[in-house]
Amino acid sequence: MKKSVFALALLAASAQAQALTTGDMAFTSFNADNDGWAMVTFVDIAANTTVYFSDNEWNGTAFVDANEHALSWNTGTATIAAGSVVVFTEIDAAPEVIRASVGTLALAGSGGTNLGFAKSNETVYAFLGSSGVAPTTFLTALTTEYDVASANITNAGLTVGVNAIALVPDADFGEYTGARTGQASFASYASLVNDAANWNDVGSGEFTGNVLNSTAFSVTAVPEASTYGMMLAGLGLVGFMARRRNNP
């Protein structure tokens, strides 16, 4: 009986933490002065998921600069709940710091040696890859470029305002300041977070000391019909197993 309940719990958890796809994550902060950024996930992320980051512009078929670096993020041994905000730091000055508030951030196995973020004309991608830094799915992007920003985003199959964010040209710092509570679903936050009108987008300056906002997002929704269905199915299976035990 207990084993059956445990199995159902594992089944429910695995069903919720599905593979990431485009738009499932979004940037919530960017700081070129301390090479830091933060992201929210709109879905549960399964344990030991690998997400790559790169500031190397994508031309539609390849990254264009062999010297730009890439980072690999392993999400860790536990599921990351939808609404969580993860803060990343990748300081290229001595002492070099590469870390994530959840999971492990490290240099990817391939890529260049130009570490850190530029304080002008930068585009950063988050993506999935089959190996190394070969993208299979672009999740989202952030750009501070003004001359080719549109192309850098659209070349990756992304859309500003939908699943990517464009800050003011040459912005050193920007952070989402809109609502993090009150929406009926996590997906409803995507259009808010990817809208530059909801950001404190201050442009060029000195922001090394700014601490990035790690406040989680929350929803007010009641369980969806599919969730009720899963719960009822689970209760039905538990009842069936109990009857079998009582009626050998």
Protein backbone atom coordinates (compact mmCIF):
# COMPACT_ATOMS: atom_id res chain seq x y z
CA MET A 1 0.00 0.00 0.00
CA LYS A 2 2.72 2.50 1.04
CA LYS A 3 4.81 1.54 -1.98
CA SER A 4 1.85 2.23 -4.27
CA VAL A 5 1.30 5.69 -2.78
CA PHE A 6 5.02 6.47 -3.13
CA ALA A 7 4.99 5.35 -6.74
CA LEU A 8 2.03 7.63 -7.46
CA ALA A 9 3.84 10.57 -5.90
CA LEU A 10 6.87 9.93 -8.09
CA LEU A 11 4.63 9.67 -11.14
CA ALA A 12 2.97 13.00 -10.38
CA ALA A 13 6.32 14.71 -9.83
CA SER A 14 7.78 13.40 -13.09
CA ALA A 15 4.67 14.44 -15.01
CA GLN A 16 4.97 18.01 -13.75
CA ALA A 17 8.73 18.38 -14.36
CA GLN A 18 8.81 18.03 -18.13
CA ALA A 19 11.53 18.88 -20.62
CA LEU A 20 12.08 22.60 -21.10
CA THR A 21 11.01 24.32 -24.28
CA THR A 22 11.06 27.83 -25.77
CA GLY A 23 9.62 30.45 -23.41
CA ASP A 24 9.73 28.28 -20.28
CA MET A 25 12.33 30.60 -18.72
CA ALA A 26 12.92 34.36 -18.84
CA PHE A 27 15.56 36.84 -17.76
CA THR A 28 14.56 38.99 -14.77
CA SER A 29 17.86 40.83 -14.18
CA PHE A 30 21.02 41.70 -16.08
CA ASN A 31 24.16 43.40 -14.77
CA ALA A 32 27.09 43.74 -17.15
CA ASP A 33 29.18 45.48 -14.50
CA ASN A 34 29.40 42.39 -12.30
CA ASP A 35 28.66 39.79 -14.99
CA GLY A 36 25.48 38.67 -13.27
CA TRP A 37 21.94 37.82 -14.30
CA ALA A 38 18.80 36.23 -12.89
CA MET A 39 16.09 34.09 -14.45
CA VAL A 40 12.63 32.82 -13.56
CA THR A 41 11.25 29.48 -14.61
CA PHE A 42 7.58 29.24 -15.55
CA VAL A 43 7.58 25.42 -15.28
CA ASP A 44 9.03 22.84 -12.93
CA ILE A 45 12.57 21.96 -14.07
CA ALA A 46 13.52 18.32 -13.69
CA ALA A 47 16.57 17.42 -11.63
CA ASN A 48 19.93 17.35 -13.44
CA THR A 49 18.70 19.35 -16.42
CA THR A 50 21.50 21.08 -18.35
CA VAL A 51 21.01 24.60 -19.71
CA TYR A 52 23.68 26.49 -21.65
CA PHE A 53 24.34 30.24 -21.74
CA SER A 54 26.31 32.15 -24.34
CA ASP A 55 26.82 35.79 -25.33
CA ASN A 56 27.95 34.74 -28.81
CA GLU A 57 25.57 36.06 -31.48
CA TRP A 58 23.63 33.40 -33.40
CA ASN A 59 23.27 33.92 -37.16
CA GLY A 60 20.61 31.26 -37.67
CA THR A 61 22.94 28.35 -38.27
CA ALA A 62 25.99 28.96 -36.08
CA PHE A 63 27.60 31.19 -33.45
CA VAL A 64 29.61 33.85 -35.22
CA ASP A 65 32.58 34.48 -32.88
CA ALA A 66 34.91 31.60 -32.04
CA ASN A 67 36.38 33.55 -29.11
CA GLU A 68 33.13 34.04 -27.17
CA HIS A 69 32.63 31.71 -24.22
CA ALA A 70 29.74 29.51 -23.11
CA LEU A 71 28.55 28.31 -19.72
CA SER A 72 26.86 25.10 -18.66
CA TRP A 73 24.30 25.04 -15.83
CA ASN A 74 23.36 21.76 -14.16
CA THR A 75 20.17 22.42 -12.21
CA GLY A 76 21.06 20.05 -9.35
CA THR A 77 19.60 16.93 -7.79
CA ALA A 78 16.16 18.32 -6.96
CA THR A 79 13.29 19.59 -9.08
CA ILE A 80 13.26 23.40 -9.33
CA ALA A 81 9.69 24.58 -8.77
CA ALA A 82 7.92 26.85 -11.22
CA GLY A 83 8.19 30.47 -10.12
CA SER A 84 11.70 30.06 -8.73
CA VAL A 85 14.29 32.74 -9.53
CA VAL A 86 17.89 31.62 -9.97
CA VAL A 87 20.77 34.10 -9.77
CA PHE A 88 23.92 33.54 -11.83
CA THR A 89 27.33 35.15 -11.38
CA GLU A 90 30.26 34.92 -13.77
CA ILE A 91 32.93 37.46 -12.78
CA ASP A 92 35.89 37.38 -15.13
CA ALA A 93 38.26 39.42 -12.92
CA ALA A 94 40.52 37.96 -10.24
CA PRO A 95 39.32 36.20 -8.24
CA GLU A 96 37.15 34.64 -10.94
CA VAL A 97 33.70 33.63 -9.71
CA ILE A 98 31.37 31.30 -11.60
CA ARG A 99 28.33 30.15 -9.65
CA ALA A 100 24.55 29.79 -9.50
CA SER A 101 22.25 30.17 -6.49
CA VAL A 102 20.79 26.76 -7.38
CA GLY A 103 22.72 23.97 -9.08
CA THR A 104 26.18 24.31 -10.60
CA LEU A 105 27.42 26.82 -13.18
CA ALA A 106 30.67 26.11 -15.04
CA LEU A 107 32.48 26.84 -18.27
CA ALA A 108 31.17 24.64 -21.06
CA GLY A 109 33.42 22.09 -22.66
CA SER A 110 33.79 24.16 -25.80
CA GLY A 111 33.77 27.87 -26.57
CA GLY A 112 36.23 30.73 -26.47
CA THR A 113 38.16 32.49 -23.73
CA ASN A 114 36.43 35.89 -23.83
CA LEU A 115 34.72 35.61 -20.45
CA GLY A 116 32.20 37.96 -18.88
CA PHE A 117 29.69 40.34 -20.47
CA ALA A 118 30.42 43.41 -22.53
CA LYS A 119 29.07 46.74 -21.27
CA SER A 120 27.71 47.51 -24.71
CA ASN A 121 26.11 45.63 -27.60
CA GLU A 122 25.50 42.31 -25.84
CA THR A 123 23.09 39.46 -26.50
CA VAL A 124 22.83 36.55 -24.07
CA TYR A 125 21.05 33.29 -24.91
CA ALA A 126 19.78 30.47 -22.73
CA PHE A 127 19.43 27.24 -24.65
CA LEU A 128 19.41 23.46 -24.60
CA GLY A 129 21.99 21.44 -26.49
CA SER A 130 22.60 17.86 -27.39
CA SER A 131 26.28 18.21 -26.53
CA GLY A 132 28.85 20.95 -26.07
CA VAL A 133 27.34 24.26 -27.17
CA ALA A 134 25.35 23.12 -30.19
CA PRO A 135 21.82 24.54 -29.64
CA THR A 136 18.79 22.34 -30.11
CA THR A 137 16.26 24.65 -28.42
CA PHE A 138 16.65 28.35 -27.60
CA LEU A 139 14.74 29.02 -24.38
CA THR A 140 15.03 32.81 -24.23
CA ALA A 141 17.44 35.70 -24.81
CA LEU A 142 18.29 39.19 -23.59
CA THR A 143 19.86 41.87 -25.77
CA THR A 144 21.29 45.35 -25.26
CA GLU A 145 22.22 45.80 -28.92
CA TYR A 146 20.56 48.41 -31.09
CA ASP A 147 21.92 47.77 -34.57
CA VAL A 148 21.41 44.02 -34.97
CA ALA A 149 19.33 43.19 -31.90
CA SER A 150 16.27 42.18 -33.89
CA ALA A 151 18.27 39.84 -36.10
CA ASN A 152 20.07 38.27 -33.14
CA ILE A 153 16.74 37.45 -31.52
CA THR A 154 14.83 36.34 -34.59
CA ASN A 155 17.75 34.26 -35.86
CA ALA A 156 17.27 32.13 -32.74
CA GLY A 157 13.55 31.73 -33.43
CA LEU A 158 12.64 34.06 -30.56
CA THR A 159 10.41 37.15 -30.37
CA VAL A 160 11.00 40.25 -28.25
CA GLY A 161 8.08 40.74 -25.87
CA VAL A 162 7.04 37.10 -26.10
CA ASN A 163 10.02 34.95 -25.15
CA ALA A 164 12.92 37.43 -25.22
CA ILE A 165 13.69 40.85 -23.77
CA ALA A 166 15.36 43.87 -25.41
CA LEU A 167 16.82 46.49 -23.05
CA VAL A 168 17.89 49.99 -24.02
CA PRO A 169 21.02 50.07 -26.18
CA ASP A 170 24.27 49.55 -24.26
CA ALA A 171 22.46 49.00 -20.95
CA ASP A 172 24.80 47.99 -18.13
CA PHE A 173 21.95 47.12 -15.79
CA GLY A 174 18.27 46.26 -16.04
CA GLU A 175 15.80 44.46 -13.79
CA TYR A 176 12.17 43.41 -13.98
CA THR A 177 10.10 45.46 -11.50
CA GLY A 178 6.61 44.25 -12.42
CA ALA A 179 4.26 41.96 -10.53
CA ARG A 180 5.50 38.67 -9.11
CA THR A 181 2.18 37.74 -7.55
CA GLY A 182 -1.46 37.73 -8.61
CA GLN A 183 -1.37 35.89 -11.94
CA ALA A 184 -3.50 32.79 -12.45
CA SER A 185 -0.65 30.81 -13.99
CA PHE A 186 3.12 31.11 -14.22
CA ALA A 187 2.90 31.26 -18.01
CA SER A 188 0.88 34.48 -17.64
CA TYR A 189 3.99 36.24 -16.35
CA ALA A 190 5.90 35.69 -19.61
CA SER A 191 4.41 38.68 -21.43
CA LEU A 192 5.04 40.87 -18.37
CA VAL A 193 8.65 39.82 -17.80
CA ASN A 194 9.54 40.11 -21.49
CA ASP A 195 8.11 43.64 -21.74
CA ALA A 196 10.82 46.28 -21.26
CA ALA A 197 8.15 48.71 -19.98
CA ASN A 198 8.08 46.59 -16.79
CA TRP A 199 11.83 46.89 -16.23
CA ASN A 200 14.04 49.34 -14.39
CA ASP A 201 16.16 49.77 -17.49
CA VAL A 202 18.71 52.40 -16.56
CA GLY A 203 21.20 52.18 -19.41
CA SER A 204 24.90 52.90 -18.95
CA GLY A 205 26.46 53.53 -15.56
CA GLU A 206 28.23 51.83 -12.65
CA PHE A 207 26.19 49.07 -10.99
CA THR A 208 28.80 46.67 -9.62
CA GLY A 209 27.29 46.76 -6.13
CA ASN A 210 23.68 46.09 -7.18
CA VAL A 211 22.18 42.93 -5.64
CA LEU A 212 19.89 41.15 -8.08
CA ASN A 213 16.30 40.51 -7.00
CA SER A 214 15.75 36.81 -6.25
CA THR A 215 12.11 37.07 -5.12
CA ALA A 216 10.11 34.10 -6.41
CA PHE A 217 6.92 34.39 -8.48
CA SER A 218 3.63 32.93 -7.23
CA VAL A 219 0.18 32.17 -8.63
CA THR A 220 -3.33 32.34 -7.20
CA ALA A 221 -4.92 29.67 -9.37
CA VAL A 222 -6.96 26.72 -8.15
CA PRO A 223 -5.89 23.28 -9.37
CA GLU A 224 -6.62 22.72 -13.06
CA ALA A 225 -8.97 20.01 -14.29
CA SER A 226 -6.01 17.87 -15.34
CA THR A 227 -4.63 18.07 -11.80
CA TYR A 228 -7.96 17.00 -10.34
CA GLY A 229 -8.02 14.15 -12.83
CA MET A 230 -4.58 12.99 -11.76
CA MET A 231 -5.57 13.16 -8.10
CA LEU A 232 -8.77 11.19 -8.68
CA ALA A 233 -6.94 8.61 -10.75
CA GLY A 234 -4.38 8.23 -7.98
CA LEU A 235 -7.05 7.83 -5.31
CA GLY A 236 -8.83 5.30 -7.48
CA LEU A 237 -5.67 3.27 -7.89
CA VAL A 238 -4.99 3.40 -4.15
CA GLY A 239 -8.52 2.18 -3.48
CA PHE A 240 -8.14 -0.61 -6.02
CA MET A 241 -4.89 -1.79 -4.40
CA ALA A 242 -6.52 -1.69 -0.97
CA ARG A 243 -9.44 -3.83 -2.17
CA ARG A 244 -7.02 -6.35 -3.65
CA ARG A 245 -5.19 -6.60 -0.32
CA ASN A 246 -8.46 -7.13 1.55
CA ASN A 247 -9.80 -9.67 -0.96
CA PRO A 248 -6.99 -12.10 -1.78
